[in-house]
Amino acid sequence: MKTFILALIVFVLIVGILCFTVFYLKEKTEELSQAARALPKITDRSKDISPDEFRNSAKFFYDLWESAKKPIHFIIGHEEANRIDETFSELQYRYLFRDAAGYMSTRQKLLDSIEHLAKLETFSFDTIT
């Protein structure tokens, strides 16, 4: 009887942890997606984004990403976290050098990486182990 109760407690803990990670990941990917969409768009070479506008939106995204990076790294793996890190660094580089086309394609790449992360939220038990 003690073994059954212990097994039941362990099962409930495992299911609880899995549910928590799925909901946490879903919430964070939604926040990251909104923050990435809030990054300014450069529609053509003649439109310039003020440095303050870019800095504020980039800082907002970066702060959200920093709070979510370690749990995402733990839950899903370092490849996804590194991909978003590298893409965000490239986005900042493109902005600094006023590469409008490169900036917009990198911005889209960042959005795609976050959407890919959102698809991974429905991970299986194999992903965790």
C-alpha atoms as a PDB file:
ATOM      1  CA  MET A   1       0.000   0.000   0.000  1.00  0.00           C
ATOM      2  CA  LYS A   2       2.869   2.396   0.826  1.00  0.00           C
ATOM      3  CA  THR A   3       4.461   1.652  -2.533  1.00  0.00           C
ATOM      4  CA  PHE A   4       1.234   2.472  -4.352  1.00  0.00           C
ATOM      5  CA  ILE A   5       0.845   5.793  -2.519  1.00  0.00           C
ATOM      6  CA  LEU A   6       4.485   6.672  -3.157  1.00  0.00           C
ATOM      7  CA  ALA A   7       4.120   5.799  -6.856  1.00  0.00           C
ATOM      8  CA  LEU A   8       0.949   7.891  -7.050  1.00  0.00           C
ATOM      9  CA  ILE A   9       2.685  10.878  -5.441  1.00  0.00           C
ATOM     10  CA  VAL A  10       5.630  10.592  -7.835  1.00  0.00           C
ATOM     11  CA  PHE A  11       3.253  10.331 -10.807  1.00  0.00           C
ATOM     12  CA  VAL A  12       1.296  13.411  -9.708  1.00  0.00           C
ATOM     13  CA  LEU A  13       4.544  15.348  -9.229  1.00  0.00           C
ATOM     14  CA  ILE A  14       5.813  14.410 -12.682  1.00  0.00           C
ATOM     15  CA  VAL A  15       2.517  15.315 -14.347  1.00  0.00           C
ATOM     16  CA  GLY A  16       2.417  18.577 -12.384  1.00  0.00           C
ATOM     17  CA  ILE A  17       5.926  19.513 -13.446  1.00  0.00           C
ATOM     18  CA  LEU A  18       5.146  18.701 -17.078  1.00  0.00           C
ATOM     19  CA  CYS A  19       1.965  20.784 -17.011  1.00  0.00           C
ATOM     20  CA  PHE A  20       3.799  23.675 -15.377  1.00  0.00           C
ATOM     21  CA  THR A  21       6.581  23.634 -17.976  1.00  0.00           C
ATOM     22  CA  VAL A  22       4.106  23.515 -20.864  1.00  0.00           C
ATOM     23  CA  PHE A  23       2.084  26.447 -19.507  1.00  0.00           C
ATOM     24  CA  TYR A  24       5.211  28.401 -18.598  1.00  0.00           C
ATOM     25  CA  LEU A  25       6.674  27.891 -22.046  1.00  0.00           C
ATOM     26  CA  LYS A  26       3.400  28.849 -23.710  1.00  0.00           C
ATOM     27  CA  GLU A  27       3.165  32.061 -21.682  1.00  0.00           C
ATOM     28  CA  LYS A  28       6.779  33.038 -22.333  1.00  0.00           C
ATOM     29  CA  THR A  29       6.611  32.355 -26.073  1.00  0.00           C
ATOM     30  CA  GLU A  30       3.480  34.503 -26.339  1.00  0.00           C
ATOM     31  CA  GLU A  31       5.217  37.344 -24.487  1.00  0.00           C
ATOM     32  CA  LEU A  32       8.341  36.993 -26.631  1.00  0.00           C
ATOM     33  CA  SER A  33       6.281  36.948 -29.809  1.00  0.00           C
ATOM     34  CA  GLN A  34       4.495  40.157 -28.818  1.00  0.00           C
ATOM     35  CA  ALA A  35       7.781  41.814 -27.891  1.00  0.00           C
ATOM     36  CA  ALA A  36       9.396  40.743 -31.183  1.00  0.00           C
ATOM     37  CA  ARG A  37       6.424  42.070 -33.141  1.00  0.00           C
ATOM     38  CA  ALA A  38       6.818  45.369 -31.282  1.00  0.00           C
ATOM     39  CA  LEU A  39      10.331  45.776 -32.669  1.00  0.00           C
ATOM     40  CA  PRO A  40      10.166  48.638 -35.167  1.00  0.00           C
ATOM     41  CA  LYS A  41       9.821  47.963 -38.859  1.00  0.00           C
ATOM     42  CA  ILE A  42      11.965  49.670 -41.444  1.00  0.00           C
ATOM     43  CA  THR A  43       9.809  49.779 -44.546  1.00  0.00           C
ATOM     44  CA  ASP A  44      12.307  51.421 -46.864  1.00  0.00           C
ATOM     45  CA  ARG A  45      15.700  53.038 -46.802  1.00  0.00           C
ATOM     46  CA  SER A  46      14.264  56.538 -46.478  1.00  0.00           C
ATOM     47  CA  LYS A  47      12.469  55.795 -43.200  1.00  0.00           C
ATOM     48  CA  ASP A  48      14.726  56.006 -40.214  1.00  0.00           C
ATOM     49  CA  ILE A  49      13.872  54.711 -36.769  1.00  0.00           C
ATOM     50  CA  SER A  50      14.913  56.895 -33.911  1.00  0.00           C
ATOM     51  CA  PRO A  51      17.619  55.316 -31.780  1.00  0.00           C
ATOM     52  CA  ASP A  52      15.417  55.717 -28.693  1.00  0.00           C
ATOM     53  CA  GLU A  53      12.530  53.864 -30.332  1.00  0.00           C
ATOM     54  CA  PHE A  54      14.768  50.967 -31.287  1.00  0.00           C
ATOM     55  CA  ARG A  55      16.614  50.951 -27.967  1.00  0.00           C
ATOM     56  CA  ASN A  56      13.382  50.864 -25.942  1.00  0.00           C
ATOM     57  CA  SER A  57      11.766  48.072 -27.941  1.00  0.00           C
ATOM     58  CA  ALA A  58      15.016  46.088 -28.114  1.00  0.00           C
ATOM     59  CA  LYS A  59      15.538  46.452 -24.361  1.00  0.00           C
ATOM     60  CA  PHE A  60      11.974  45.295 -23.704  1.00  0.00           C
ATOM     61  CA  PHE A  61      12.508  42.216 -25.886  1.00  0.00           C
ATOM     62  CA  TYR A  62      15.945  41.527 -24.402  1.00  0.00           C
ATOM     63  CA  ASP A  63      14.697  41.752 -20.812  1.00  0.00           C
ATOM     64  CA  LEU A  64      11.870  39.325 -21.568  1.00  0.00           C
ATOM     65  CA  TRP A  65      14.274  37.010 -23.357  1.00  0.00           C
ATOM     66  CA  GLU A  66      16.779  37.052 -20.501  1.00  0.00           C
ATOM     67  CA  SER A  67      14.069  36.077 -18.008  1.00  0.00           C
ATOM     68  CA  ALA A  68      12.894  33.224 -20.235  1.00  0.00           C
ATOM     69  CA  LYS A  69      16.207  32.001 -21.657  1.00  0.00           C
ATOM     70  CA  LYS A  70      17.378  29.721 -18.845  1.00  0.00           C
ATOM     71  CA  PRO A  71      14.057  27.898 -18.380  1.00  0.00           C
ATOM     72  CA  ILE A  72      13.692  27.522 -22.157  1.00  0.00           C
ATOM     73  CA  HIS A  73      17.271  26.279 -22.356  1.00  0.00           C
ATOM     74  CA  PHE A  74      16.483  23.726 -19.636  1.00  0.00           C
ATOM     75  CA  ILE A  75      13.111  22.642 -21.059  1.00  0.00           C
ATOM     76  CA  ILE A  76      13.880  22.511 -24.772  1.00  0.00           C
ATOM     77  CA  GLY A  77      17.614  22.683 -25.177  1.00  0.00           C
ATOM     78  CA  HIS A  78      20.444  25.033 -25.966  1.00  0.00           C
ATOM     79  CA  GLU A  79      20.023  25.007 -29.761  1.00  0.00           C
ATOM     80  CA  GLU A  80      16.757  26.937 -29.699  1.00  0.00           C
ATOM     81  CA  ALA A  81      18.017  29.394 -27.094  1.00  0.00           C
ATOM     82  CA  ASN A  82      21.248  29.978 -29.017  1.00  0.00           C
ATOM     83  CA  ARG A  83      19.345  30.500 -32.276  1.00  0.00           C
ATOM     84  CA  ILE A  84      17.284  33.300 -30.740  1.00  0.00           C
ATOM     85  CA  ASP A  85      20.378  34.834 -29.077  1.00  0.00           C
ATOM     86  CA  GLU A  86      22.281  34.891 -32.369  1.00  0.00           C
ATOM     87  CA  THR A  87      19.346  36.250 -34.337  1.00  0.00           C
ATOM     88  CA  PHE A  88      18.752  39.062 -31.856  1.00  0.00           C
ATOM     89  CA  SER A  89      22.450  39.994 -31.945  1.00  0.00           C
ATOM     90  CA  GLU A  90      22.318  40.043 -35.743  1.00  0.00           C
ATOM     91  CA  LEU A  91      19.203  42.253 -35.605  1.00  0.00           C
ATOM     92  CA  GLN A  92      21.036  44.796 -33.456  1.00  0.00           C
ATOM     93  CA  TYR A  93      24.008  44.718 -35.832  1.00  0.00           C
ATOM     94  CA  ARG A  94      21.760  45.281 -38.869  1.00  0.00           C
ATOM     95  CA  TYR A  95      20.091  48.220 -37.155  1.00  0.00           C
ATOM     96  CA  LEU A  96      23.397  49.844 -36.224  1.00  0.00           C
ATOM     97  CA  PHE A  97      24.623  49.708 -39.820  1.00  0.00           C
ATOM     98  CA  ARG A  98      21.257  50.846 -41.221  1.00  0.00           C
ATOM     99  CA  ASP A  99      20.872  47.761 -43.394  1.00  0.00           C
ATOM    100  CA  ALA A 100      17.092  48.056 -43.928  1.00  0.00           C
ATOM    101  CA  ALA A 101      16.637  44.898 -45.998  1.00  0.00           C
ATOM    102  CA  GLY A 102      18.870  42.853 -43.722  1.00  0.00           C
ATOM    103  CA  TYR A 103      17.152  44.262 -40.649  1.00  0.00           C
ATOM    104  CA  MET A 104      13.685  43.292 -41.874  1.00  0.00           C
ATOM    105  CA  SER A 105      14.763  39.795 -42.928  1.00  0.00           C
ATOM    106  CA  THR A 106      16.504  39.294 -39.575  1.00  0.00           C
ATOM    107  CA  ARG A 107      13.425  40.603 -37.752  1.00  0.00           C
ATOM    108  CA  GLN A 108      11.348  38.019 -39.629  1.00  0.00           C
ATOM    109  CA  LYS A 109      13.910  35.332 -38.797  1.00  0.00           C
ATOM    110  CA  LEU A 110      13.552  36.246 -35.114  1.00  0.00           C
ATOM    111  CA  LEU A 111       9.760  35.976 -35.363  1.00  0.00           C
ATOM    112  CA  ASP A 112      10.104  32.608 -37.121  1.00  0.00           C
ATOM    113  CA  SER A 113      12.439  31.325 -34.388  1.00  0.00           C
ATOM    114  CA  ILE A 114       9.938  32.312 -31.715  1.00  0.00           C
ATOM    115  CA  GLU A 115       7.077  30.705 -33.661  1.00  0.00           C
ATOM    116  CA  HIS A 116       9.193  27.546 -33.938  1.00  0.00           C
ATOM    117  CA  LEU A 117       9.701  27.707 -30.188  1.00  0.00           C
ATOM    118  CA  ALA A 118       5.931  28.000 -29.722  1.00  0.00           C
ATOM    119  CA  LYS A 119       5.435  24.858 -31.799  1.00  0.00           C
ATOM    120  CA  LEU A 120       7.840  23.022 -29.514  1.00  0.00           C
ATOM    121  CA  GLU A 121       5.635  23.786 -26.512  1.00  0.00           C
ATOM    122  CA  THR A 122       3.635  20.706 -27.400  1.00  0.00           C
ATOM    123  CA  PHE A 123       6.701  18.601 -26.772  1.00  0.00           C
ATOM    124  CA  SER A 124       6.541  14.978 -25.788  1.00  0.00           C
ATOM    125  CA  PHE A 125       8.072  13.146 -22.863  1.00  0.00           C
ATOM    126  CA  ASP A 126      11.059  12.374 -25.116  1.00  0.00           C
ATOM    127  CA  THR A 127      11.963  16.071 -25.328  1.00  0.00           C
ATOM    128  CA  ILE A 128      12.273  16.392 -21.570  1.00  0.00           C
ATOM    129  CA  THR A 129      14.409  13.307 -21.057  1.00  0.00           C
END
